[in-house]
């Protein structure tokens, strides 16, 4: 009896010990699970934070740039990686500032609300594209499929710009080209960009011309041997009509009309083709191109409200050499929401065209490009370009209205031919374009600066 009782007591003790051990193991496992979960949550939170944005005050350098590679367009990442002839110096730096948006003019917004729901995409039998019902403002407030990419392209094409943008003869636009031997050649250009149709600025006719909605007039002021060389481009309301190009040749003292196939010809000797020469980053029209929507993402861009005064009359001195990359003194970069498009000519119009595709990063707020990568017909990267788009120009007569993309600069690197072009709209006082009524009266002359007959008045 005693032995049996002792055996029972021993068994009970063993069970209690085993139970306590199991409870202890369960408690330890629970604690470990909680710790792992907490660490995982923290890691996920940190990952989500890093994936969402870059905090203002961050300095991106040659030592840490790979941490922020996901926020870079392909061309910018390749510049940091040193894959091109043009290389960033060891001290290169990008400073990140807060993201800020300046509202579009209320008159443009009103036109968007009034006409936006009337615009439709049209597919033509010849493979071309077009839009029907556009009268002003932003064509598509919220582009969706079908044709989401094309609708986003159309938004960029008709993004807001003032009625008149002028860089005067006294303080013209400046552009410089550089070759692989650091030989630099600079010229100054007077510019008159005029919107003749779909105007939304107050005090301006909605339409000044029956068939033209936009014109670009440029004239070389220096060097002396190229002075008076001028170009006029006409953009028609009928998108199926290819842009007309007229060039005034000083030695002939007359204007010549360029072939409609000259869209790949260089703009006044620069690395920009005619289809590149626009403040939005694309000048090719919306009839001969389709756009595939690739993704929405966040990228860093030199855009928004910032101060260019540090560049001033010494431009382009102070830029990182030899690739003419903007230093922090030019301004802070922002993290911007962009739509990424793959823009290509429609199949019937591809033979003989220079670019195989154009990858452009379009700011979702301003609907203008902030960066683009251009590929040849073998889909090899050919050019990459930074579009610095501030909103520094106030539009006279428009309450709270400011014009994005007028006072910035455009840098294009030809990475195949080791050549570059840098263009700025800043004058020698660090000031930008003159807008609408602020433009000198001479440059408000429609006939002289917006029609082919006006070119005949040059050198008189």
Protein backbone atom coordinates (compact mmCIF):
# COMPACT_ATOMS: atom_id res chain seq x y z
CA UNK A 1 0.00 0.00 0.00
CA UNK A 2 2.74 2.42 0.91
CA UNK A 3 4.68 1.59 -2.23
CA UNK A 4 1.57 2.15 -4.39
CA UNK A 5 0.90 5.54 -2.73
CA UNK A 6 4.48 6.58 -3.28
CA UNK A 7 4.33 5.59 -6.92
CA UNK A 8 1.14 7.64 -7.38
CA UNK A 9 2.76 10.64 -5.71
CA UNK A 10 5.81 10.33 -7.94
CA UNK A 11 3.62 10.14 -11.08
CA UNK A 12 1.67 13.23 -10.04
CA UNK A 13 4.88 15.15 -9.44
CA UNK A 14 6.18 14.11 -12.84
CA UNK A 15 2.96 15.30 -14.48
CA UNK A 16 3.17 18.67 -12.67
CA UNK A 17 6.80 19.14 -13.74
CA UNK A 18 5.95 18.26 -17.33
CA UNK A 19 2.98 20.63 -17.29
CA UNK A 20 5.10 23.46 -15.92
CA UNK A 21 7.74 22.79 -18.58
CA UNK A 22 5.11 22.86 -21.30
CA UNK A 23 3.67 26.11 -19.98
CA UNK A 24 7.13 27.64 -19.81
CA UNK A 25 7.86 26.54 -23.38
CA UNK A 26 4.51 27.93 -24.53
CA UNK A 27 5.19 31.24 -22.77
CA UNK A 28 8.66 31.46 -24.33
CA UNK A 29 7.23 30.67 -27.76
CA UNK A 30 4.56 33.32 -27.32
CA UNK A 31 7.12 35.93 -26.33
CA UNK A 32 9.34 35.02 -29.28
CA UNK A 33 6.36 35.21 -31.63
CA UNK A 34 5.44 38.63 -30.29
CA UNK A 35 9.01 39.86 -30.63
CA UNK A 36 9.29 38.52 -34.18
CA UNK A 37 5.92 40.01 -35.09
CA UNK A 38 6.89 43.35 -33.58
CA UNK A 39 10.19 43.37 -35.44
CA UNK A 40 8.46 42.34 -38.65
CA UNK A 41 5.87 45.08 -38.22
CA UNK A 42 8.62 47.59 -37.58
CA UNK A 43 10.53 46.38 -40.61
CA UNK A 44 7.40 46.57 -42.73
CA UNK A 45 6.63 50.03 -41.43
CA UNK A 46 10.16 51.17 -42.16
CA UNK A 47 9.99 49.55 -45.58
CA UNK A 48 6.64 51.21 -46.30
CA UNK A 49 8.00 54.56 -45.20
CA UNK A 50 11.08 54.28 -47.37
CA UNK A 51 8.97 53.12 -50.31
CA UNK A 52 6.51 55.98 -49.97
CA UNK A 53 8.75 59.02 -49.99
CA UNK A 54 12.08 60.59 -49.12
CA UNK A 55 12.04 62.90 -46.09
CA UNK A 56 12.79 66.58 -46.75
CA UNK A 57 16.35 67.40 -45.76
CA UNK A 58 17.73 64.18 -47.23
CA UNK A 59 20.96 64.57 -49.19
CA UNK A 60 21.47 62.10 -52.00
CA UNK A 61 25.16 61.63 -52.72
CA UNK A 62 27.44 59.39 -54.72
CA UNK A 63 27.87 57.31 -51.57
CA UNK A 64 24.21 56.65 -50.75
CA UNK A 65 22.33 57.08 -54.04
CA UNK A 66 21.49 53.39 -54.37
CA UNK A 67 19.23 53.68 -51.32
CA UNK A 68 17.06 56.02 -53.40
CA UNK A 69 17.41 54.35 -56.79
CA UNK A 70 13.72 53.40 -56.84
CA UNK A 71 12.87 57.13 -56.92
CA UNK A 72 15.05 57.82 -59.96
CA UNK A 73 14.20 57.71 -63.65
CA UNK A 74 16.38 55.25 -65.53
CA UNK A 75 18.61 57.91 -67.06
CA UNK A 76 19.25 59.61 -63.72
CA UNK A 77 20.14 56.30 -62.07
CA UNK A 78 22.57 55.54 -64.88
CA UNK A 79 24.21 58.96 -64.41
CA UNK A 80 24.78 58.15 -60.74
CA UNK A 81 26.01 54.66 -61.62
CA UNK A 82 28.61 56.14 -63.97
CA UNK A 83 27.42 54.17 -67.00
CA UNK A 84 27.83 57.08 -69.45
CA UNK A 85 30.73 59.11 -70.71
CA UNK A 86 29.19 61.99 -68.75
CA UNK A 87 29.92 61.25 -65.10
CA UNK A 88 28.89 62.97 -61.91
CA UNK A 89 31.80 64.12 -59.72
CA UNK A 90 32.44 62.59 -56.32
CA UNK A 91 30.97 65.64 -54.56
CA UNK A 92 27.69 65.59 -56.52
CA UNK A 93 24.63 66.04 -54.34
CA UNK A 94 20.85 66.28 -54.65
CA UNK A 95 19.01 67.97 -51.79
CA UNK A 96 15.39 66.96 -51.16
CA UNK A 97 12.88 69.61 -50.15
CA UNK A 98 9.18 69.41 -49.27
CA UNK A 99 6.70 68.64 -52.05
CA UNK A 100 4.62 71.69 -52.90
CA UNK A 101 1.95 72.34 -55.51
CA UNK A 102 0.95 75.74 -56.85
CA UNK A 103 -2.68 75.66 -58.04
CA UNK A 104 -3.45 75.96 -61.71
CA UNK A 105 -5.22 79.18 -62.73
CA UNK A 106 -8.91 79.13 -61.75
CA UNK A 107 -9.88 80.01 -65.33
CA UNK A 108 -8.13 76.87 -66.59
CA UNK A 109 -9.80 74.79 -63.88
CA UNK A 110 -13.18 76.27 -64.82
CA UNK A 111 -12.65 75.29 -68.46
CA UNK A 112 -11.74 71.77 -67.33
CA UNK A 113 -14.98 71.46 -65.38
CA UNK A 114 -17.02 72.89 -68.24
CA UNK A 115 -15.60 70.96 -71.18
CA UNK A 116 -13.79 67.95 -69.71
CA UNK A 117 -16.65 65.49 -69.98
CA UNK A 118 -17.10 66.27 -73.70
CA UNK A 119 -13.68 65.03 -74.87
CA UNK A 120 -13.40 61.62 -76.53
CA UNK A 121 -10.56 59.60 -78.00
CA UNK A 122 -10.94 58.78 -81.69
CA UNK A 123 -9.27 55.87 -83.51
CA UNK A 124 -8.97 56.58 -87.24
CA UNK A 125 -8.90 53.95 -90.03
CA UNK A 126 -5.29 54.83 -90.95
CA UNK A 127 -4.10 53.99 -87.43
CA UNK A 128 -3.83 57.60 -86.32
CA UNK A 129 -5.30 58.91 -83.06
CA UNK A 130 -7.26 62.07 -82.32
CA UNK A 131 -9.57 63.69 -79.78
CA UNK A 132 -13.05 65.04 -80.35
CA UNK A 133 -14.80 67.79 -78.42
CA UNK A 134 -11.80 69.59 -76.90
CA UNK A 135 -12.43 73.30 -76.23
CA UNK A 136 -10.07 74.19 -73.38
CA UNK A 137 -8.78 73.19 -69.97
CA UNK A 138 -7.55 69.70 -69.10
CA UNK A 139 -9.08 67.16 -71.51
CA UNK A 140 -9.28 64.20 -69.11
CA UNK A 141 -9.55 64.85 -65.37
CA UNK A 142 -9.03 61.22 -64.43
CA UNK A 143 -7.71 59.14 -67.34
CA UNK A 144 -8.87 55.53 -67.28
CA UNK A 145 -8.78 52.59 -69.66
CA UNK A 146 -9.34 52.21 -72.50
CA UNK A 147 -6.56 54.41 -73.92
CA UNK A 148 -5.36 55.53 -70.49
CA UNK A 149 -1.83 56.17 -71.77
CA UNK A 150 -3.04 58.15 -74.76
CA UNK A 151 -5.38 60.23 -72.60
CA UNK A 152 -2.45 61.04 -70.31
CA UNK A 153 -0.42 62.09 -73.36
CA UNK A 154 -3.28 64.37 -74.51
CA UNK A 155 -3.38 65.94 -71.03
CA UNK A 156 0.31 66.78 -71.38
CA UNK A 157 -0.24 68.16 -74.89
CA UNK A 158 -2.94 70.56 -73.67
CA UNK A 159 -1.49 71.26 -70.21
CA UNK A 160 -1.81 74.85 -68.99
CA UNK A 161 0.39 77.53 -70.46
CA UNK A 162 -0.22 81.29 -70.61
CA UNK A 163 -1.39 83.01 -73.76
CA UNK A 164 2.01 84.63 -74.35
CA UNK A 165 5.54 83.71 -73.18
CA UNK A 166 8.37 85.99 -74.28
CA UNK A 167 12.12 85.96 -73.81
CA UNK A 168 13.17 89.36 -75.13
CA UNK A 169 16.08 90.37 -77.30
CA UNK A 170 17.60 92.17 -74.30
CA UNK A 171 17.41 89.14 -72.01
CA UNK A 172 17.07 86.06 -74.24
CA UNK A 173 17.12 82.36 -73.58
CA UNK A 174 20.59 80.87 -73.49
CA UNK A 175 21.68 77.45 -74.61
CA UNK A 176 25.05 75.77 -74.66
CA UNK A 177 26.27 72.62 -76.36
CA UNK A 178 29.32 70.63 -75.33
CA UNK A 179 31.23 67.75 -76.91
CA UNK A 180 33.29 64.99 -75.32
CA UNK A 181 36.38 67.24 -75.32
CA UNK A 182 34.56 69.86 -73.21
CA UNK A 183 34.40 72.26 -76.13
CA UNK A 184 31.45 74.52 -75.34
CA UNK A 185 29.49 76.64 -77.77
CA UNK A 186 26.76 78.96 -76.51
CA UNK A 187 24.13 81.10 -78.17
CA UNK A 188 21.34 83.41 -77.06
CA UNK A 189 17.84 83.15 -78.48
CA UNK A 190 14.78 85.39 -78.38
CA UNK A 191 11.55 83.41 -77.99
CA UNK A 192 7.85 84.09 -78.44
CA UNK A 193 5.52 81.21 -77.58
CA UNK A 194 1.90 82.11 -78.27
CA UNK A 195 -1.32 80.21 -77.65
CA UNK A 196 -3.84 81.31 -80.27
CA UNK A 197 -6.58 78.80 -79.51
CA UNK A 198 -8.25 77.25 -76.46
CA UNK A 199 -7.15 80.24 -74.36
CA UNK A 200 -8.40 80.40 -70.77
CA UNK A 201 -6.54 83.49 -69.52
CA UNK A 202 -8.88 86.43 -68.80
CA UNK A 203 -8.83 89.36 -71.22
CA UNK A 204 -7.57 87.16 -74.05
CA UNK A 205 -9.67 85.93 -76.99
CA UNK A 206 -10.48 82.24 -76.73
CA UNK A 207 -9.32 81.96 -80.34
CA UNK A 208 -7.14 84.34 -82.35
CA UNK A 209 -6.86 82.18 -85.46
CA UNK A 210 -9.18 79.89 -87.37
CA UNK A 211 -6.85 76.96 -87.82
CA UNK A 212 -3.81 77.42 -85.53
CA UNK A 213 -3.86 76.91 -81.77
CA UNK A 214 -0.17 77.37 -80.85
CA UNK A 215 2.99 78.87 -82.37
CA UNK A 216 6.68 78.84 -81.40
CA UNK A 217 8.95 81.60 -82.71
CA UNK A 218 12.71 81.54 -82.05
CA UNK A 219 15.52 83.79 -83.32
CA UNK A 220 19.26 83.59 -82.67
CA UNK A 221 20.73 86.80 -81.21
CA UNK A 222 24.31 85.65 -80.82
CA UNK A 223 26.90 84.63 -81.93
CA UNK A 224 27.06 87.21 -84.68
CA UNK A 225 27.59 84.69 -87.50
CA UNK A 226 24.25 83.03 -86.68
CA UNK A 227 22.31 86.18 -85.78
CA UNK A 228 18.82 86.52 -87.25
CA UNK A 229 18.48 82.79 -87.94
CA UNK A 230 14.87 82.20 -86.97
CA UNK A 231 12.33 79.42 -86.86
CA UNK A 232 8.53 79.42 -86.67
CA UNK A 233 6.45 76.34 -85.87
CA UNK A 234 2.69 76.26 -86.34
CA UNK A 235 0.51 73.76 -84.49
CA UNK A 236 -2.92 73.26 -86.01
CA UNK A 237 -6.27 72.71 -84.35
CA UNK A 238 -6.69 69.85 -86.80
CA UNK A 239 -4.31 67.41 -85.15
CA UNK A 240 -4.10 65.36 -88.34
CA UNK A 241 -2.31 68.24 -90.02
CA UNK A 242 1.43 67.94 -89.35
CA UNK A 243 3.15 70.93 -87.79
CA UNK A 244 4.51 73.45 -90.28
CA UNK A 245 8.14 74.55 -89.89
CA UNK A 246 9.54 77.75 -91.43
CA UNK A 247 13.19 78.82 -91.15
CA UNK A 248 14.49 82.30 -91.94
CA UNK A 249 17.99 82.11 -93.49
CA UNK A 250 19.86 85.43 -93.07
CA UNK A 251 22.22 84.86 -96.01
CA UNK A 252 19.23 84.37 -98.30
CA UNK A 253 17.11 86.99 -96.54
CA UNK A 254 14.05 84.82 -96.89
CA UNK A 255 12.12 82.07 -95.17
CA UNK A 256 12.09 78.43 -96.26
CA UNK A 257 9.41 75.90 -95.44
CA UNK A 258 10.84 72.66 -94.07
CA UNK A 259 9.63 69.24 -95.09
CA UNK A 260 7.03 67.57 -92.88
CA UNK A 261 9.61 64.79 -92.45
CA UNK A 262 12.00 67.15 -90.67
CA UNK A 263 10.70 66.34 -87.18
CA UNK A 264 14.01 64.63 -86.38
CA UNK A 265 16.16 67.54 -87.52
CA UNK A 266 18.09 69.33 -84.74
CA UNK A 267 16.64 72.48 -83.23
CA UNK A 268 19.04 75.35 -84.05
CA UNK A 269 22.04 73.04 -83.89
CA UNK A 270 21.26 71.57 -80.46
CA UNK A 271 20.83 67.94 -79.38
CA UNK A 272 17.07 68.47 -79.29
CA UNK A 273 15.06 67.25 -82.25
CA UNK A 274 12.03 69.26 -83.32
CA UNK A 275 9.82 66.74 -81.51
CA UNK A 276 11.69 67.42 -78.23
CA UNK A 277 11.46 71.21 -78.24
CA UNK A 278 8.62 72.00 -75.87
CA UNK A 279 8.39 73.02 -72.23
CA UNK A 280 6.28 69.93 -71.53
CA UNK A 281 9.03 67.70 -72.95
CA UNK A 282 7.21 66.53 -76.08
CA UNK A 283 6.50 68.41 -79.30
CA UNK A 284 5.39 65.68 -81.67
CA UNK A 285 1.62 66.10 -81.64
CA UNK A 286 -1.15 63.65 -80.77
CA UNK A 287 -2.10 62.27 -84.18
CA UNK A 288 0.94 60.17 -85.06
CA UNK A 289 1.69 58.79 -81.60
CA UNK A 290 0.20 56.32 -79.18
CA UNK A 291 1.19 56.00 -75.53
CA UNK A 292 1.23 52.90 -73.36
CA UNK A 293 0.63 53.55 -69.68
CA UNK A 294 3.44 51.83 -67.76
CA UNK A 295 2.95 52.76 -64.13
CA UNK A 296 2.33 55.37 -61.50
CA UNK A 297 5.27 55.97 -59.20
CA UNK A 298 7.15 58.56 -57.20
CA UNK A 299 10.33 60.07 -58.58
CA UNK A 300 12.56 62.92 -57.57
CA UNK A 301 12.32 65.96 -59.82
CA UNK A 302 13.72 69.47 -59.91
CA UNK A 303 10.30 71.06 -59.99
CA UNK A 304 7.89 73.15 -57.96
CA UNK A 305 8.39 76.46 -56.18
CA UNK A 306 12.09 77.09 -55.66
CA UNK A 307 14.64 79.81 -56.21
CA UNK A 308 16.83 80.02 -59.30
CA UNK A 309 18.58 83.23 -58.31
CA UNK A 310 21.74 81.38 -57.38
CA UNK A 311 22.32 80.68 -61.07
CA UNK A 312 22.09 84.31 -62.18
CA UNK A 313 24.34 85.82 -64.80
CA UNK A 314 27.09 83.23 -64.26
CA UNK A 315 24.98 80.47 -65.79
CA UNK A 316 26.11 77.82 -66.59
CA UNK A 317 29.07 78.35 -64.25
CA UNK A 318 28.63 76.55 -60.97
CA UNK A 319 27.01 73.48 -62.53
CA UNK A 320 28.72 70.14 -62.04
CA UNK A 321 31.20 69.77 -64.88
CA UNK A 322 31.63 68.45 -67.43
CA UNK A 323 28.07 67.11 -67.66
CA UNK A 324 26.33 70.39 -66.69
CA UNK A 325 24.27 68.82 -63.88
CA UNK A 326 22.54 71.28 -61.52
CA UNK A 327 24.12 71.69 -58.05
CA UNK A 328 22.11 72.17 -54.82
CA UNK A 329 22.44 75.96 -55.17
CA UNK A 330 19.98 75.80 -58.09
CA UNK A 331 17.22 74.44 -55.91
CA UNK A 332 15.83 71.52 -53.97
CA UNK A 333 14.35 68.49 -55.66
CA UNK A 334 10.92 67.19 -54.75
CA UNK A 335 9.35 63.73 -54.57
CA UNK A 336 6.64 63.89 -57.23
CA UNK A 337 3.82 61.56 -58.27
CA UNK A 338 4.32 60.78 -61.95
CA UNK A 339 2.69 58.76 -64.70
CA UNK A 340 5.23 56.86 -66.79
CA UNK A 341 4.41 56.58 -70.49
CA UNK A 342 5.97 54.64 -73.35
CA UNK A 343 5.34 56.92 -76.37
CA UNK A 344 5.85 55.55 -79.87
CA UNK A 345 4.77 56.50 -83.36
CA UNK A 346 1.82 54.53 -84.71
CA UNK A 347 3.02 51.60 -86.88
CA UNK A 348 2.18 53.26 -90.21
CA UNK A 349 4.35 56.30 -89.34
CA UNK A 350 7.40 54.57 -87.85
CA UNK A 351 9.57 54.06 -90.99
CA UNK A 352 12.25 56.74 -91.10
CA UNK A 353 11.48 58.17 -87.67
CA UNK A 354 14.44 58.76 -85.37
CA UNK A 355 13.17 57.37 -82.05
CA UNK A 356 12.07 53.84 -81.29
CA UNK A 357 10.38 54.96 -78.09
CA UNK A 358 10.23 57.82 -75.64
CA UNK A 359 9.83 57.02 -71.95
CA UNK A 360 8.54 60.14 -70.26
CA UNK A 361 7.78 60.82 -66.60
CA UNK A 362 4.77 63.14 -66.40
CA UNK A 363 3.98 65.07 -63.24
CA UNK A 364 0.45 64.10 -62.20
CA UNK A 365 -0.30 67.57 -60.83
CA UNK A 366 1.10 69.82 -63.55
CA UNK A 367 0.78 67.32 -66.45
CA UNK A 368 4.24 68.23 -67.73
CA UNK A 369 7.29 66.02 -68.18
CA UNK A 370 10.03 66.04 -65.54
CA UNK A 371 12.41 63.54 -67.16
CA UNK A 372 12.59 61.49 -70.33
CA UNK A 373 14.67 58.70 -71.83
CA UNK A 374 14.85 58.40 -75.61
CA UNK A 375 15.72 55.19 -77.46
CA UNK A 376 16.89 54.59 -81.01
CA UNK A 377 15.18 52.18 -83.39
CA UNK A 378 17.18 49.29 -81.91
CA UNK A 379 15.74 50.21 -78.50
CA UNK A 380 19.14 51.26 -77.20
CA UNK A 381 19.20 54.30 -74.93
CA UNK A 382 20.21 57.29 -77.04
CA UNK A 383 19.41 60.42 -75.05
CA UNK A 384 18.32 61.20 -71.53
CA UNK A 385 16.96 64.56 -70.45
CA UNK A 386 16.21 66.50 -67.28
CA UNK A 387 13.31 68.92 -67.47
CA UNK A 388 13.53 71.37 -64.59
CA UNK A 389 10.01 72.75 -64.30
CA UNK A 390 9.41 75.44 -61.66
CA UNK A 391 6.23 77.39 -61.06
CA UNK A 392 7.92 80.72 -60.68
CA UNK A 393 6.11 82.84 -63.25
CA UNK A 394 3.01 84.69 -62.08
CA UNK A 395 0.36 85.15 -64.74
CA UNK A 396 -0.86 88.77 -64.88
CA UNK A 397 -4.57 89.14 -64.39
CA UNK A 398 -5.04 85.59 -63.11
CA UNK A 399 -5.80 85.56 -59.35
CA UNK A 400 -3.45 83.09 -57.73
CA UNK A 401 -2.47 81.75 -61.13
CA UNK A 402 1.10 80.75 -61.80
CA UNK A 403 2.58 79.21 -64.91
CA UNK A 404 4.58 76.01 -64.42
CA UNK A 405 7.48 75.22 -66.65
CA UNK A 406 8.48 78.62 -67.98
CA UNK A 407 11.63 79.65 -66.13
CA UNK A 408 13.36 76.31 -65.90
CA UNK A 409 16.10 74.66 -67.87
CA UNK A 410 16.40 71.64 -70.10
CA UNK A 411 19.48 69.41 -70.11
CA UNK A 412 19.77 66.67 -72.72
CA UNK A 413 22.65 64.21 -72.76
CA UNK A 414 23.30 62.35 -76.01
CA UNK A 415 24.90 59.30 -74.41
CA UNK A 416 25.69 57.59 -77.72
CA UNK A 417 27.52 60.52 -79.33
CA UNK A 418 28.89 61.97 -76.07
CA UNK A 419 27.32 65.37 -76.59
CA UNK A 420 25.00 67.53 -74.51
CA UNK A 421 22.77 70.59 -74.66
CA UNK A 422 21.77 72.83 -71.76
CA UNK A 423 19.02 75.44 -72.20
CA UNK A 424 17.72 77.93 -69.66
CA UNK A 425 14.90 80.45 -69.75
CA UNK A 426 16.63 82.66 -67.21
CA UNK A 427 17.99 85.99 -68.27
CA UNK A 428 21.15 87.64 -66.96
CA UNK A 429 19.29 89.00 -63.92
CA UNK A 430 18.08 85.56 -62.96
CA UNK A 431 14.59 86.44 -64.22
CA UNK A 432 12.49 84.28 -66.49
CA UNK A 433 10.00 84.71 -69.27
CA UNK A 434 7.69 87.70 -69.53
CA UNK A 435 4.06 86.66 -69.45
CA UNK A 436 1.04 88.06 -71.33
CA UNK A 437 0.65 91.84 -70.76
CA UNK A 438 4.11 92.03 -69.15
CA UNK A 439 5.66 91.28 -72.54
CA UNK A 440 7.00 94.27 -74.48
CA UNK A 441 4.35 95.56 -76.85
CA UNK A 442 6.49 94.80 -79.87
CA UNK A 443 6.42 91.09 -79.07
CA UNK A 444 2.64 91.08 -78.77
CA UNK A 445 2.40 91.62 -82.55
CA UNK A 446 0.51 88.58 -83.82
CA UNK A 447 1.46 88.91 -87.49
CA UNK A 448 5.16 89.47 -86.87
CA UNK A 449 5.71 86.66 -84.36
CA UNK A 450 3.05 84.07 -85.18
CA UNK A 451 2.75 83.95 -88.99
CA UNK A 452 5.13 82.97 -91.82
CA UNK A 453 4.80 86.43 -93.35
CA UNK A 454 6.24 87.86 -90.14
CA UNK A 455 9.58 86.19 -90.82
CA UNK A 456 10.02 88.44 -93.84
CA UNK A 457 10.18 91.41 -91.47
CA UNK A 458 13.43 90.18 -89.92
CA UNK A 459 16.52 92.28 -90.80
CA UNK A 460 14.37 95.23 -91.87
